[in-house]
Protein backbone atom coordinates (compact mmCIF):
# COMPACT_ATOMS: atom_id res chain seq x y z
CA MET A 1 186.74 120.13 9.19
CA ALA A 2 183.27 119.76 10.65
CA CYS A 3 182.61 119.85 14.37
CA ILE A 4 179.43 117.80 14.24
CA SER A 5 179.31 114.50 12.39
CA PRO A 6 176.28 113.55 10.27
CA ASP A 7 174.95 111.43 13.15
CA GLY A 8 174.89 114.51 15.41
CA LYS A 9 177.89 113.60 17.54
CA PRO A 10 180.82 115.96 17.97
CA THR A 11 184.00 115.27 16.02
CA VAL A 12 187.37 115.29 17.78
CA SER A 13 187.74 119.05 17.31
CA GLY A 14 184.12 119.66 18.30
CA ALA A 15 184.63 117.66 21.49
CA LYS A 16 187.76 119.67 22.32
CA MET A 17 185.81 122.92 21.95
CA LEU A 18 182.93 121.63 24.06
CA ARG A 19 185.34 120.53 26.80
CA ALA A 20 187.06 123.93 26.71
CA LEU A 21 183.72 125.70 27.06
CA LYS A 22 182.67 123.32 29.83
CA ALA A 23 185.65 124.52 31.85
CA THR A 24 184.77 128.19 31.30
CA ALA A 25 182.97 130.46 28.87
CA GLY A 26 185.29 132.46 26.71
CA SER A 27 186.17 134.17 23.50
CA ALA A 28 187.15 132.31 20.36
CA GLU A 29 190.79 133.10 21.17
CA GLU A 30 190.45 131.63 24.68
CA VAL A 31 188.72 128.51 23.36
CA SER A 32 191.46 128.13 20.74
CA GLN A 33 194.18 128.29 23.38
CA SER A 34 192.37 125.98 25.81
CA ALA A 35 191.43 123.41 23.15
CA GLY A 36 194.81 123.52 21.41
CA LEU A 37 193.20 124.20 18.04
CA PRO A 38 193.95 126.87 15.42
CA LEU A 39 191.86 130.00 15.77
CA PHE A 40 190.42 129.73 12.24
CA ARG A 41 189.13 126.25 13.04
CA VAL A 42 187.65 127.36 16.37
CA ARG A 43 185.83 130.31 14.80
CA SER A 44 184.16 128.15 12.17
CA GLY A 45 183.55 125.39 14.71
CA LEU A 46 181.86 127.73 17.15
CA ARG A 47 179.53 128.93 14.39
CA GLU A 48 178.66 125.31 13.61
CA LEU A 49 178.15 124.43 17.29
CA ALA A 50 175.92 127.50 17.68
CA GLN A 51 173.82 126.47 14.67
CA ALA A 52 173.42 123.05 16.27
CA GLY A 53 172.18 124.69 19.48
CA LEU A 54 175.15 123.53 21.54
CA VAL A 55 176.69 126.93 22.30
CA SER A 56 175.44 130.47 22.53
CA GLN A 57 177.23 133.72 21.87
CA LYS A 58 176.94 136.85 23.97
CA GLY A 59 179.07 139.57 22.43
CA GLU A 60 182.53 138.09 21.98
CA GLN A 61 181.95 135.36 24.59
CA TYR A 62 180.75 131.82 23.94
CA GLU A 63 179.18 129.47 26.46
CA LEU A 64 177.55 126.07 26.42
CA SER A 65 173.79 125.89 26.08
CA ALA A 66 171.89 123.43 28.28
CA LYS A 67 171.99 120.94 25.38
CA GLY A 68 175.71 121.54 24.90
CA GLY A 69 176.36 121.10 28.61
CA GLU A 70 174.60 117.72 28.61
CA LEU A 71 176.61 116.63 25.60
CA ALA A 72 179.89 117.86 27.13
CA ASP A 73 179.11 115.92 30.33
CA SER A 74 178.69 112.73 28.30
CA LEU A 75 182.04 113.04 26.48
CA PRO A 76 184.84 110.70 27.53
CA ALA A 77 187.67 112.46 29.35
């Protein structure tokens, strides 16, 4: 399941990951728990979000980029 739709907007799972990272940076395991998504989906989703420039990875930790933060702020609650 993709995290970014063809029009560049996050899918439901992508939005959950962005919201989780908006609350706090974390590992894939922490994002999985916070977003309520399976770890395998979060790992692939984080790679996709990173390729889209929405998140960055530092070691095992992921955080929103400036672009990702703006997008996360625009998501409905």
